[in-house]
């Protein structure tokens, strides 16, 4: 014990304090730092797990919302030719006495996120047939939605009789 007898208590305390600080620094670097990093990583992974679970729920909600929107505005990303052919097939399948008077070219409106295709079709027939067809169109045709309807009574000069022209505007959406 003669090694420490020549030093005063102040110097011994200072030496012990320096040794304690060095041991604490080594212990922190070897054990506590790794443990704290692992705790931080664990917390981050728990947050990522919660975020992933929430994103799955959000994805399901978005899918449900997309299906609801498709039922409101019609199916999206269907080519215009298919929509018009489907309309003509639908008209034929309803067995109504309406005739297609005129089909205009599709009007396209480009938005940065989507494109709106507007179809204008003029039908010729009586009022009851037209209203019955419009009701069936609204309830069963899923490739587009009716946005405007115009009924005009015209005098046909060749037959000298009145005829009802029904102009339908319906739209479908594309990306």
Protein backbone atom coordinates (compact mmCIF):
# COMPACT_ATOMS: atom_id res chain seq x y z
CA UNK A 1 0.00 0.00 0.00
CA UNK A 2 2.99 2.27 -0.07
CA UNK A 3 2.09 3.26 -3.62
CA UNK A 4 -0.82 5.43 -2.52
CA UNK A 5 0.55 6.69 0.79
CA UNK A 6 2.49 9.53 -0.71
CA UNK A 7 -0.65 11.06 -2.30
CA UNK A 8 -3.11 13.20 -0.45
CA UNK A 9 -6.79 12.32 -0.13
CA UNK A 10 -7.66 15.01 -2.67
CA UNK A 11 -5.44 13.47 -5.29
CA UNK A 12 -6.74 9.98 -4.45
CA UNK A 13 -10.32 11.20 -4.88
CA UNK A 14 -9.40 12.89 -8.14
CA UNK A 15 -7.72 9.72 -9.38
CA UNK A 16 -10.76 7.63 -8.38
CA UNK A 17 -13.03 10.12 -10.10
CA UNK A 18 -10.95 9.93 -13.30
CA UNK A 19 -10.96 6.10 -13.16
CA UNK A 20 -14.73 6.13 -12.53
CA UNK A 21 -15.32 8.47 -15.50
CA UNK A 22 -13.15 6.31 -17.75
CA UNK A 23 -14.96 3.14 -16.63
CA UNK A 24 -18.32 4.84 -17.16
CA UNK A 25 -17.26 5.96 -20.65
CA UNK A 26 -16.08 2.44 -21.54
CA UNK A 27 -19.27 0.91 -20.11
CA UNK A 28 -21.40 3.42 -22.04
CA UNK A 29 -19.55 2.75 -25.27
CA UNK A 30 -19.62 -1.04 -24.83
CA UNK A 31 -23.09 -1.62 -23.36
CA UNK A 32 -25.36 1.31 -22.86
CA UNK A 33 -24.84 2.91 -26.27
CA UNK A 34 -25.70 -0.34 -28.07
CA UNK A 35 -28.71 -0.87 -25.81
CA UNK A 36 -29.98 2.67 -26.39
CA UNK A 37 -29.51 2.31 -30.16
CA UNK A 38 -31.43 -0.98 -30.08
CA UNK A 39 -34.24 0.63 -28.08
CA UNK A 40 -34.43 3.48 -30.59
CA UNK A 41 -34.43 1.02 -33.50
CA UNK A 42 -37.12 -1.04 -31.78
CA UNK A 43 -39.29 2.06 -31.34
CA UNK A 44 -38.79 3.00 -34.99
CA UNK A 45 -39.72 -0.52 -36.12
CA UNK A 46 -42.84 -0.45 -33.94
CA UNK A 47 -43.85 2.84 -35.57
CA UNK A 48 -43.21 1.34 -39.02
CA UNK A 49 -45.32 -1.69 -38.11
CA UNK A 50 -48.21 0.52 -36.99
CA UNK A 51 -47.85 2.62 -40.15
CA UNK A 52 -47.87 -0.55 -42.30
CA UNK A 53 -51.01 -1.82 -40.56
CA UNK A 54 -52.66 1.57 -41.06
CA UNK A 55 -51.61 1.64 -44.70
CA UNK A 56 -53.25 -1.76 -45.25
CA UNK A 57 -56.48 -0.41 -43.73
CA UNK A 58 -56.13 2.76 -45.81
CA UNK A 59 -55.62 0.66 -48.93
CA UNK A 60 -58.79 -1.31 -48.18
CA UNK A 61 -60.69 1.94 -47.60
CA UNK A 62 -59.39 3.38 -50.88
CA UNK A 63 -60.44 0.21 -52.70
CA UNK A 64 -63.94 0.48 -51.25
CA UNK A 65 -64.09 4.17 -52.16
CA UNK A 66 -62.93 3.40 -55.70
CA UNK A 67 -65.67 0.80 -56.08
CA UNK A 68 -68.23 3.31 -54.79
CA UNK A 69 -66.99 5.98 -57.21
CA UNK A 70 -67.04 3.49 -60.09
CA UNK A 71 -70.64 2.69 -59.26
CA UNK A 72 -71.46 6.41 -59.31
CA UNK A 73 -69.51 7.55 -62.38
CA UNK A 74 -69.21 4.29 -64.29
CA UNK A 75 -66.26 2.04 -64.89
CA UNK A 76 -63.07 3.82 -65.79
CA UNK A 77 -60.45 3.15 -68.46
CA UNK A 78 -62.87 1.65 -70.96
CA UNK A 79 -62.14 2.64 -74.60
CA UNK A 80 -64.71 4.91 -76.27
CA UNK A 81 -65.51 2.42 -79.02
CA UNK A 82 -66.41 -0.22 -76.47
CA UNK A 83 -68.61 2.26 -74.58
CA UNK A 84 -70.51 3.19 -77.74
CA UNK A 85 -70.88 -0.42 -78.87
CA UNK A 86 -72.03 -1.37 -75.38
CA UNK A 87 -74.58 1.45 -75.51
CA UNK A 88 -75.92 0.16 -78.84
CA UNK A 89 -76.03 -3.40 -77.50
CA UNK A 90 -77.81 -2.13 -74.41
CA UNK A 91 -80.35 -0.27 -76.56
CA UNK A 92 -80.96 -3.42 -78.56
CA UNK A 93 -81.23 -5.62 -75.46
CA UNK A 94 -83.95 -3.43 -73.93
CA UNK A 95 -86.14 -4.21 -76.97
CA UNK A 96 -87.41 -0.65 -77.07
CA UNK A 97 -88.78 0.89 -80.24
CA UNK A 98 -86.28 3.72 -80.10
CA UNK A 99 -84.04 4.37 -83.08
CA UNK A 100 -80.61 5.92 -83.04
CA UNK A 101 -80.93 9.16 -84.97
CA UNK A 102 -77.37 10.42 -84.58
CA UNK A 103 -74.15 9.54 -82.73
CA UNK A 104 -71.66 12.36 -82.45
CA UNK A 105 -67.95 12.00 -82.01
CA UNK A 106 -66.79 11.66 -78.42
CA UNK A 107 -65.80 14.92 -76.74
CA UNK A 108 -62.63 14.54 -74.65
CA UNK A 109 -61.73 16.76 -71.71
CA UNK A 110 -58.19 16.31 -70.39
CA UNK A 111 -57.51 17.07 -66.72
CA UNK A 112 -54.03 16.55 -65.23
CA UNK A 113 -55.25 13.52 -63.25
CA UNK A 114 -57.93 12.03 -65.51
CA UNK A 115 -59.80 12.35 -68.79
CA UNK A 116 -63.57 12.74 -69.21
CA UNK A 117 -65.18 11.24 -72.32
CA UNK A 118 -68.58 12.74 -73.17
CA UNK A 119 -70.82 10.85 -75.58
CA UNK A 120 -73.78 12.53 -77.32
CA UNK A 121 -76.41 10.25 -78.80
CA UNK A 122 -79.77 11.29 -80.25
CA UNK A 123 -82.62 8.79 -80.15
CA UNK A 124 -85.97 8.93 -81.94
CA UNK A 125 -89.13 7.43 -80.43
CA UNK A 126 -92.16 8.10 -78.28
CA UNK A 127 -92.12 9.54 -74.77
CA UNK A 128 -92.94 6.37 -72.82
CA UNK A 129 -90.30 4.34 -74.63
CA UNK A 130 -87.72 7.09 -74.07
CA UNK A 131 -88.41 7.47 -70.34
CA UNK A 132 -88.44 3.70 -69.85
CA UNK A 133 -85.12 3.38 -71.67
CA UNK A 134 -83.57 6.25 -69.69
CA UNK A 135 -84.61 4.60 -66.43
CA UNK A 136 -83.07 1.29 -67.52
CA UNK A 137 -79.96 3.10 -68.74
CA UNK A 138 -79.46 4.83 -65.38
CA UNK A 139 -79.99 1.68 -63.35
CA UNK A 140 -78.23 -0.97 -65.47
CA UNK A 141 -75.64 0.62 -67.77
CA UNK A 142 -72.33 0.63 -65.88
CA UNK A 143 -69.86 2.00 -68.45
CA UNK A 144 -71.02 5.60 -68.16
CA UNK A 145 -73.40 7.91 -66.35
CA UNK A 146 -76.07 10.16 -67.76
CA UNK A 147 -75.17 13.82 -67.23
CA UNK A 148 -77.70 15.61 -69.42
CA UNK A 149 -80.90 14.85 -71.25
CA UNK A 150 -82.81 16.92 -73.76
CA UNK A 151 -86.15 16.04 -75.31
CA UNK A 152 -87.36 18.01 -78.34
CA UNK A 153 -90.53 17.59 -80.35
CA UNK A 154 -89.94 18.14 -84.07
CA UNK A 155 -92.19 18.12 -87.09
CA UNK A 156 -90.97 15.61 -89.65
CA UNK A 157 -91.64 17.35 -92.97
CA UNK A 158 -91.58 14.21 -95.06
CA UNK A 159 -94.20 12.34 -93.00
CA UNK A 160 -95.88 15.47 -91.58
CA UNK A 161 -95.96 13.97 -88.14
CA UNK A 162 -94.48 14.95 -84.80
CA UNK A 163 -91.51 13.00 -83.52
CA UNK A 164 -89.69 13.13 -80.20
CA UNK A 165 -85.91 13.45 -80.34
CA UNK A 166 -84.12 12.53 -77.12
CA UNK A 167 -80.53 13.71 -76.87
CA UNK A 168 -78.50 11.96 -74.20
CA UNK A 169 -75.13 13.07 -72.88
CA UNK A 170 -73.32 10.46 -70.82
CA UNK A 171 -69.77 10.38 -69.54
CA UNK A 172 -67.12 7.91 -68.57
CA UNK A 173 -63.67 8.50 -67.09
CA UNK A 174 -60.14 7.43 -67.97
CA UNK A 175 -56.75 8.01 -66.43
